[in-house]
Amino acid sequence: MSRIMSYMLAWQMFGDVWKLYKKYAVRKLNEDELEQLMYEASKIHEKFKYPFTKELLIAVIGEIERSVKHFERNKNNGKSE
């Protein structure tokens, strides 16, 4: 049976995930930064241990990976942002 988190706990979790997104999104990341992203995401998951946390982190990491690919594509096409 799945546990349901309280509103206050959800607020804290969203705050931690938002900080992670804000730190790593919409910029180019190197390999070390990607590893650090995964480490920080795992710490958030360990802190809350809810299925919702895992699902939200997967979505946020996916979005960050898309932004990294976007910057790589533009770099390879000679565009800079």
C-alpha atoms as a PDB file:
ATOM      1  CA  MET A   1       0.000   0.000   0.000  1.00  0.00           C
ATOM      2  CA  SER A   2       1.292   3.416  -0.987  1.00  0.00           C
ATOM      3  CA  ARG A   3       1.778   6.131   1.593  1.00  0.00           C
ATOM      4  CA  ILE A   4       0.346   9.612   1.038  1.00  0.00           C
ATOM      5  CA  MET A   5       2.445  12.577   2.159  1.00  0.00           C
ATOM      6  CA  SER A   6       1.067  15.514   4.117  1.00  0.00           C
ATOM      7  CA  TYR A   7       0.711  18.931   2.506  1.00  0.00           C
ATOM      8  CA  MET A   8       3.620  20.305   4.552  1.00  0.00           C
ATOM      9  CA  LEU A   9       5.879  17.435   3.559  1.00  0.00           C
ATOM     10  CA  ALA A  10       4.824  17.828  -0.088  1.00  0.00           C
ATOM     11  CA  TRP A  11       5.636  21.547   0.127  1.00  0.00           C
ATOM     12  CA  GLN A  12       9.121  20.738   1.446  1.00  0.00           C
ATOM     13  CA  MET A  13       9.632  18.109  -1.257  1.00  0.00           C
ATOM     14  CA  PHE A  14       8.530  20.483  -4.029  1.00  0.00           C
ATOM     15  CA  GLY A  15      10.906  23.097  -2.615  1.00  0.00           C
ATOM     16  CA  ASP A  16      13.860  20.696  -2.715  1.00  0.00           C
ATOM     17  CA  VAL A  17      13.008  19.529  -6.231  1.00  0.00           C
ATOM     18  CA  TRP A  18      12.548  23.144  -7.391  1.00  0.00           C
ATOM     19  CA  LYS A  19      15.996  24.078  -6.033  1.00  0.00           C
ATOM     20  CA  LEU A  20      17.475  21.120  -7.916  1.00  0.00           C
ATOM     21  CA  TYR A  21      15.741  22.167 -11.145  1.00  0.00           C
ATOM     22  CA  LYS A  22      16.739  25.811 -10.736  1.00  0.00           C
ATOM     23  CA  LYS A  23      20.373  24.841 -10.134  1.00  0.00           C
ATOM     24  CA  TYR A  24      20.773  22.614 -13.194  1.00  0.00           C
ATOM     25  CA  ALA A  25      18.131  23.556 -15.801  1.00  0.00           C
ATOM     26  CA  VAL A  26      18.468  25.751 -18.878  1.00  0.00           C
ATOM     27  CA  ARG A  27      22.229  25.570 -19.206  1.00  0.00           C
ATOM     28  CA  LYS A  28      24.896  23.305 -20.529  1.00  0.00           C
ATOM     29  CA  LEU A  29      26.187  20.744 -18.032  1.00  0.00           C
ATOM     30  CA  ASN A  30      29.443  18.830 -18.085  1.00  0.00           C
ATOM     31  CA  GLU A  31      29.790  15.205 -17.020  1.00  0.00           C
ATOM     32  CA  ASP A  32      30.741  16.088 -13.424  1.00  0.00           C
ATOM     33  CA  GLU A  33      27.699  18.346 -13.079  1.00  0.00           C
ATOM     34  CA  LEU A  34      25.430  15.596 -14.433  1.00  0.00           C
ATOM     35  CA  GLU A  35      26.848  13.196 -11.846  1.00  0.00           C
ATOM     36  CA  GLN A  36      26.280  15.806  -9.124  1.00  0.00           C
ATOM     37  CA  LEU A  37      22.686  16.258 -10.341  1.00  0.00           C
ATOM     38  CA  MET A  38      22.054  12.528  -9.989  1.00  0.00           C
ATOM     39  CA  TYR A  39      23.673  12.474  -6.542  1.00  0.00           C
ATOM     40  CA  GLU A  40      21.534  15.380  -5.320  1.00  0.00           C
ATOM     41  CA  ALA A  41      18.394  13.794  -6.777  1.00  0.00           C
ATOM     42  CA  SER A  42      19.153  10.540  -4.943  1.00  0.00           C
ATOM     43  CA  LYS A  43      19.554  12.468  -1.679  1.00  0.00           C
ATOM     44  CA  ILE A  44      16.124  14.068  -2.179  1.00  0.00           C
ATOM     45  CA  HIS A  45      14.642  10.647  -2.900  1.00  0.00           C
ATOM     46  CA  GLU A  46      16.243   9.197   0.234  1.00  0.00           C
ATOM     47  CA  LYS A  47      14.934  12.122   2.304  1.00  0.00           C
ATOM     48  CA  PHE A  48      11.277  11.706   1.316  1.00  0.00           C
ATOM     49  CA  LYS A  49      10.998   8.054   0.193  1.00  0.00           C
ATOM     50  CA  TYR A  50       7.605   8.454  -1.514  1.00  0.00           C
ATOM     51  CA  PRO A  51       6.651   7.183  -4.981  1.00  0.00           C
ATOM     52  CA  PHE A  52       5.540  10.731  -5.842  1.00  0.00           C
ATOM     53  CA  THR A  53       9.040  12.028  -5.079  1.00  0.00           C
ATOM     54  CA  LYS A  54      10.582   9.450  -7.400  1.00  0.00           C
ATOM     55  CA  GLU A  55       8.131  10.266 -10.208  1.00  0.00           C
ATOM     56  CA  LEU A  56       8.700  14.006  -9.852  1.00  0.00           C
ATOM     57  CA  LEU A  57      12.484  13.592  -9.837  1.00  0.00           C
ATOM     58  CA  ILE A  58      12.337  11.416 -12.969  1.00  0.00           C
ATOM     59  CA  ALA A  59      10.301  14.114 -14.731  1.00  0.00           C
ATOM     60  CA  VAL A  60      12.632  16.924 -13.624  1.00  0.00           C
ATOM     61  CA  ILE A  61      15.781  15.011 -14.574  1.00  0.00           C
ATOM     62  CA  GLY A  62      14.235  14.232 -17.965  1.00  0.00           C
ATOM     63  CA  GLU A  63      13.530  17.921 -18.544  1.00  0.00           C
ATOM     64  CA  ILE A  64      17.064  18.879 -17.520  1.00  0.00           C
ATOM     65  CA  GLU A  65      18.483  16.241 -19.882  1.00  0.00           C
ATOM     66  CA  ARG A  66      16.360  17.703 -22.712  1.00  0.00           C
ATOM     67  CA  SER A  67      17.760  21.162 -22.019  1.00  0.00           C
ATOM     68  CA  VAL A  68      21.328  19.775 -22.050  1.00  0.00           C
ATOM     69  CA  LYS A  69      20.642  18.146 -25.442  1.00  0.00           C
ATOM     70  CA  HIS A  70      19.170  21.435 -26.682  1.00  0.00           C
ATOM     71  CA  PHE A  71      22.357  23.302 -25.784  1.00  0.00           C
ATOM     72  CA  GLU A  72      24.502  20.588 -27.371  1.00  0.00           C
ATOM     73  CA  ARG A  73      22.459  20.709 -30.591  1.00  0.00           C
ATOM     74  CA  ASN A  74      22.743  24.483 -30.782  1.00  0.00           C
ATOM     75  CA  LYS A  75      26.471  24.292 -30.061  1.00  0.00           C
ATOM     76  CA  ASN A  76      26.923  21.773 -32.881  1.00  0.00           C
ATOM     77  CA  ASN A  77      24.887  23.987 -35.234  1.00  0.00           C
ATOM     78  CA  GLY A  78      27.002  27.026 -34.428  1.00  0.00           C
ATOM     79  CA  LYS A  79      24.285  28.790 -32.412  1.00  0.00           C
ATOM     80  CA  SER A  80      24.860  30.144 -28.971  1.00  0.00           C
ATOM     81  CA  GLU A  81      22.276  31.007 -26.340  1.00  0.00           C
END
